[in-house]
Amino acid sequence: MAKYVTLISWTEQGVRSYADTVKRAEAGKALAARMGGRLTDILWTLGPYDIVAVGEFPDDESATATMLALSAGGNVRTTTMRAFDSTEIAAIVAKAQG
């Protein structure tokens, strides 16, 4: 499955209900599963982002649908990036070199 890294920022609504963050993370895992994926790591962070999530999804559409549904709750805003492991990037480099 394709890997994705999501940078998550709390909205004002999300900050007001910070005590529910673990419960919301569990709901996010369930949402990802319903979309055919899974969140493998959820990490709360210091700095410009409040949470970093790592997930696996069958395709970009499933990952995007998950993040749209997650953001629609009003507690977070997301920035999601497709990620590649060393095997995947080696194949990409080989393809680029012809």
N, C-alpha and C. Protein backbone atom coordinates (compact mmCIF):
# COMPACT_ATOMS: atom_id res chain seq x y z
N MET A 1 0.84 -1.18 0.00
CA MET A 1 0.00 0.00 0.00
C MET A 1 0.88 1.24 0.00
N ALA A 2 0.37 2.31 -0.54
CA ALA A 2 1.10 3.57 -0.58
C ALA A 2 1.16 4.18 0.82
N LYS A 3 2.27 4.84 1.12
CA LYS A 3 2.47 5.47 2.42
C LYS A 3 2.26 6.97 2.32
N TYR A 4 1.75 7.56 3.40
CA TYR A 4 1.47 8.98 3.46
C TYR A 4 1.87 9.52 4.82
N VAL A 5 2.41 10.73 4.83
CA VAL A 5 2.71 11.45 6.06
C VAL A 5 1.78 12.66 6.10
N THR A 6 1.08 12.83 7.20
CA THR A 6 0.15 13.94 7.32
C THR A 6 0.57 14.83 8.49
N LEU A 7 0.72 16.12 8.20
CA LEU A 7 1.00 17.13 9.21
C LEU A 7 -0.34 17.73 9.61
N ILE A 8 -0.61 17.73 10.89
CA ILE A 8 -1.94 18.11 11.38
C ILE A 8 -1.83 19.29 12.34
N SER A 9 -2.68 20.28 12.12
CA SER A 9 -2.77 21.44 13.01
C SER A 9 -4.17 21.50 13.59
N TRP A 10 -4.24 21.77 14.89
CA TRP A 10 -5.54 21.96 15.51
C TRP A 10 -6.14 23.29 15.07
N THR A 11 -7.43 23.30 14.86
CA THR A 11 -8.16 24.55 14.65
C THR A 11 -8.46 25.14 16.03
N GLU A 12 -9.07 26.31 16.07
CA GLU A 12 -9.48 26.86 17.38
C GLU A 12 -10.44 25.92 18.08
N GLN A 13 -11.36 25.32 17.33
CA GLN A 13 -12.29 24.35 17.90
C GLN A 13 -11.54 23.16 18.47
N GLY A 14 -10.54 22.66 17.74
CA GLY A 14 -9.76 21.52 18.19
C GLY A 14 -8.96 21.80 19.45
N VAL A 15 -8.42 23.01 19.55
CA VAL A 15 -7.66 23.38 20.74
C VAL A 15 -8.58 23.45 21.96
N ARG A 16 -9.77 24.00 21.76
CA ARG A 16 -10.71 24.11 22.89
C ARG A 16 -11.05 22.74 23.47
N SER A 17 -11.04 21.72 22.62
CA SER A 17 -11.38 20.37 23.11
C SER A 17 -10.15 19.46 23.07
N TYR A 18 -8.99 20.01 23.42
CA TYR A 18 -7.73 19.26 23.39
C TYR A 18 -7.79 17.99 24.23
N ALA A 19 -8.58 17.98 25.28
CA ALA A 19 -8.64 16.81 26.16
C ALA A 19 -9.19 15.58 25.43
N ASP A 20 -9.88 15.80 24.32
CA ASP A 20 -10.44 14.69 23.55
C ASP A 20 -9.51 14.19 22.45
N THR A 21 -8.28 14.67 22.42
CA THR A 21 -7.40 14.38 21.28
C THR A 21 -7.13 12.89 21.08
N VAL A 22 -6.96 12.14 22.15
CA VAL A 22 -6.71 10.70 22.00
C VAL A 22 -7.96 9.99 21.47
N LYS A 23 -9.11 10.38 21.97
CA LYS A 23 -10.37 9.82 21.49
C LYS A 23 -10.56 10.16 20.01
N ARG A 24 -10.24 11.38 19.60
CA ARG A 24 -10.35 11.77 18.20
C ARG A 24 -9.36 11.00 17.34
N ALA A 25 -8.17 10.73 17.87
CA ALA A 25 -7.18 9.94 17.12
C ALA A 25 -7.71 8.53 16.86
N GLU A 26 -8.33 7.93 17.84
CA GLU A 26 -8.92 6.60 17.67
C GLU A 26 -10.02 6.63 16.63
N ALA A 27 -10.82 7.69 16.63
CA ALA A 27 -11.86 7.84 15.60
C ALA A 27 -11.22 8.00 14.22
N GLY A 28 -10.09 8.69 14.16
CA GLY A 28 -9.36 8.84 12.90
C GLY A 28 -8.85 7.50 12.38
N LYS A 29 -8.38 6.66 13.28
CA LYS A 29 -7.94 5.32 12.89
C LYS A 29 -9.10 4.52 12.31
N ALA A 30 -10.25 4.61 12.95
CA ALA A 30 -11.44 3.89 12.47
C ALA A 30 -11.87 4.43 11.10
N LEU A 31 -11.81 5.73 10.92
CA LEU A 31 -12.14 6.34 9.64
C LEU A 31 -11.21 5.83 8.54
N ALA A 32 -9.91 5.82 8.82
CA ALA A 32 -8.94 5.32 7.84
C ALA A 32 -9.25 3.87 7.46
N ALA A 33 -9.60 3.06 8.44
CA ALA A 33 -9.92 1.66 8.18
C ALA A 33 -11.15 1.53 7.28
N ARG A 34 -12.16 2.37 7.51
CA ARG A 34 -13.35 2.34 6.65
C ARG A 34 -13.02 2.73 5.22
N MET A 35 -11.96 3.52 5.03
CA MET A 35 -11.54 3.96 3.69
C MET A 35 -10.57 2.97 3.05
N GLY A 36 -10.30 1.85 3.75
CA GLY A 36 -9.41 0.83 3.20
C GLY A 36 -7.96 1.01 3.57
N GLY A 37 -7.67 1.92 4.48
CA GLY A 37 -6.29 2.18 4.88
C GLY A 37 -6.08 1.93 6.35
N ARG A 38 -4.96 2.42 6.84
CA ARG A 38 -4.70 2.34 8.28
C ARG A 38 -3.69 3.41 8.67
N LEU A 39 -3.87 3.97 9.84
CA LEU A 39 -2.90 4.90 10.40
C LEU A 39 -1.94 4.09 11.24
N THR A 40 -0.69 4.06 10.84
CA THR A 40 0.30 3.23 11.53
C THR A 40 0.94 3.94 12.70
N ASP A 41 1.01 5.26 12.65
CA ASP A 41 1.58 6.05 13.74
C ASP A 41 0.83 7.37 13.85
N ILE A 42 0.55 7.77 15.08
CA ILE A 42 0.03 9.11 15.37
C ILE A 42 0.90 9.65 16.48
N LEU A 43 1.56 10.77 16.21
CA LEU A 43 2.51 11.35 17.16
C LEU A 43 2.13 12.80 17.44
N TRP A 44 2.03 13.16 18.69
CA TRP A 44 1.78 14.55 19.08
C TRP A 44 3.12 15.25 19.15
N THR A 45 3.21 16.43 18.56
CA THR A 45 4.49 17.08 18.38
C THR A 45 4.50 18.51 18.90
N LEU A 46 5.71 18.99 19.14
CA LEU A 46 5.94 20.39 19.47
C LEU A 46 6.37 21.10 18.19
N GLY A 47 6.07 22.36 18.08
CA GLY A 47 6.49 23.10 16.89
C GLY A 47 5.30 23.54 16.07
N PRO A 48 5.50 23.73 14.76
CA PRO A 48 4.44 24.31 13.94
C PRO A 48 3.25 23.39 13.71
N TYR A 49 3.40 22.09 13.93
CA TYR A 49 2.30 21.14 13.78
C TYR A 49 2.03 20.47 15.11
N ASP A 50 0.77 20.17 15.36
CA ASP A 50 0.38 19.57 16.63
C ASP A 50 0.47 18.05 16.62
N ILE A 51 0.27 17.47 15.44
CA ILE A 51 0.26 16.02 15.29
C ILE A 51 0.89 15.66 13.95
N VAL A 52 1.60 14.54 13.93
CA VAL A 52 2.08 13.96 12.67
C VAL A 52 1.53 12.53 12.62
N ALA A 53 0.88 12.20 11.51
CA ALA A 53 0.34 10.86 11.34
C ALA A 53 1.00 10.20 10.14
N VAL A 54 1.23 8.91 10.25
CA VAL A 54 1.75 8.12 9.15
C VAL A 54 0.71 7.06 8.85
N GLY A 55 0.36 6.94 7.57
CA GLY A 55 -0.67 5.98 7.20
C GLY A 55 -0.36 5.26 5.91
N GLU A 56 -1.13 4.23 5.66
CA GLU A 56 -1.04 3.46 4.42
C GLU A 56 -2.44 3.39 3.83
N PHE A 57 -2.52 3.68 2.53
CA PHE A 57 -3.80 3.64 1.84
C PHE A 57 -3.61 2.98 0.49
N PRO A 58 -4.67 2.39 -0.06
CA PRO A 58 -4.53 1.70 -1.34
C PRO A 58 -4.27 2.65 -2.51
N ASP A 59 -4.67 3.94 -2.35
CA ASP A 59 -4.50 4.89 -3.45
C ASP A 59 -4.65 6.32 -2.92
N ASP A 60 -4.30 7.27 -3.79
CA ASP A 60 -4.37 8.69 -3.40
C ASP A 60 -5.80 9.11 -3.07
N GLU A 61 -6.75 8.57 -3.80
CA GLU A 61 -8.15 8.94 -3.58
C GLU A 61 -8.62 8.55 -2.18
N SER A 62 -8.25 7.37 -1.73
CA SER A 62 -8.65 6.92 -0.39
C SER A 62 -7.98 7.77 0.69
N ALA A 63 -6.71 8.10 0.50
CA ALA A 63 -6.01 8.96 1.46
C ALA A 63 -6.65 10.33 1.51
N THR A 64 -6.95 10.89 0.33
CA THR A 64 -7.55 12.22 0.27
C THR A 64 -8.94 12.23 0.88
N ALA A 65 -9.75 11.22 0.59
CA ALA A 65 -11.09 11.14 1.16
C ALA A 65 -11.03 11.06 2.68
N THR A 66 -10.07 10.32 3.20
CA THR A 66 -9.92 10.21 4.65
C THR A 66 -9.60 11.56 5.27
N MET A 67 -8.65 12.28 4.68
CA MET A 67 -8.25 13.57 5.24
C MET A 67 -9.34 14.62 5.08
N LEU A 68 -10.10 14.56 3.99
CA LEU A 68 -11.24 15.48 3.83
C LEU A 68 -12.28 15.22 4.92
N ALA A 69 -12.62 13.96 5.13
CA ALA A 69 -13.60 13.62 6.16
C ALA A 69 -13.09 13.99 7.55
N LEU A 70 -11.81 13.76 7.80
CA LEU A 70 -11.23 14.12 9.09
C LEU A 70 -11.31 15.63 9.32
N SER A 71 -10.94 16.40 8.32
CA SER A 71 -10.95 17.86 8.44
C SER A 71 -12.37 18.42 8.55
N ALA A 72 -13.33 17.73 7.95
CA ALA A 72 -14.71 18.21 7.98
C ALA A 72 -15.27 18.28 9.39
N GLY A 73 -14.67 17.55 10.32
CA GLY A 73 -15.10 17.60 11.71
C GLY A 73 -14.81 18.94 12.38
N GLY A 74 -13.94 19.72 11.77
CA GLY A 74 -13.67 21.06 12.28
C GLY A 74 -12.59 21.17 13.34
N ASN A 75 -11.99 20.05 13.74
CA ASN A 75 -10.98 20.09 14.80
C ASN A 75 -9.56 20.23 14.29
N VAL A 76 -9.34 19.84 13.03
CA VAL A 76 -7.98 19.86 12.49
C VAL A 76 -7.97 20.33 11.04
N ARG A 77 -6.79 20.74 10.60
CA ARG A 77 -6.47 20.99 9.19
C ARG A 77 -5.27 20.11 8.88
N THR A 78 -5.25 19.54 7.68
CA THR A 78 -4.19 18.58 7.35
C THR A 78 -3.41 18.99 6.12
N THR A 79 -2.15 18.57 6.09
CA THR A 79 -1.29 18.65 4.92
C THR A 79 -0.72 17.25 4.74
N THR A 80 -1.07 16.61 3.63
CA THR A 80 -0.69 15.21 3.43
C THR A 80 0.29 15.09 2.28
N MET A 81 1.31 14.28 2.48
CA MET A 81 2.36 14.06 1.49
C MET A 81 2.51 12.58 1.22
N ARG A 82 2.63 12.21 -0.03
CA ARG A 82 2.93 10.82 -0.40
C ARG A 82 4.37 10.56 0.00
N ALA A 83 4.64 9.42 0.59
CA ALA A 83 5.97 9.07 1.05
C ALA A 83 6.43 7.77 0.39
N PHE A 84 7.75 7.62 0.23
CA PHE A 84 8.33 6.44 -0.42
C PHE A 84 9.40 5.84 0.48
N ASP A 85 9.40 4.52 0.62
CA ASP A 85 10.47 3.87 1.37
C ASP A 85 11.68 3.68 0.46
N SER A 86 12.76 3.11 0.98
CA SER A 86 14.01 3.02 0.21
C SER A 86 13.86 2.15 -1.04
N THR A 87 13.08 1.09 -0.96
CA THR A 87 12.87 0.24 -2.13
C THR A 87 12.11 0.99 -3.22
N GLU A 88 11.07 1.71 -2.82
CA GLU A 88 10.28 2.46 -3.79
C GLU A 88 11.09 3.58 -4.45
N ILE A 89 11.86 4.31 -3.64
CA ILE A 89 12.63 5.42 -4.22
C ILE A 89 13.75 4.89 -5.11
N ALA A 90 14.31 3.72 -4.79
CA ALA A 90 15.34 3.13 -5.65
C ALA A 90 14.76 2.82 -7.02
N ALA A 91 13.54 2.29 -7.08
CA ALA A 91 12.88 2.01 -8.35
C ALA A 91 12.60 3.30 -9.12
N ILE A 92 12.21 4.35 -8.41
CA ILE A 92 11.95 5.64 -9.03
C ILE A 92 13.24 6.21 -9.62
N VAL A 93 14.32 6.14 -8.86
CA VAL A 93 15.62 6.63 -9.34
C VAL A 93 16.04 5.84 -10.58
N ALA A 94 15.89 4.53 -10.54
CA ALA A 94 16.27 3.71 -11.69
C ALA A 94 15.46 4.07 -12.92
N LYS A 95 14.19 4.33 -12.74
CA LYS A 95 13.32 4.72 -13.86
C LYS A 95 13.75 6.08 -14.42
N ALA A 96 14.10 6.99 -13.54
CA ALA A 96 14.53 8.33 -13.98
C ALA A 96 15.83 8.28 -14.77
N GLN A 97 16.67 7.32 -14.44
CA GLN A 97 17.97 7.21 -15.12
C GLN A 97 17.87 6.44 -16.42
N GLY A 98 16.66 5.91 -16.68
CA GLY A 98 16.43 5.23 -17.96
C GLY A 98 16.96 3.87 -17.97
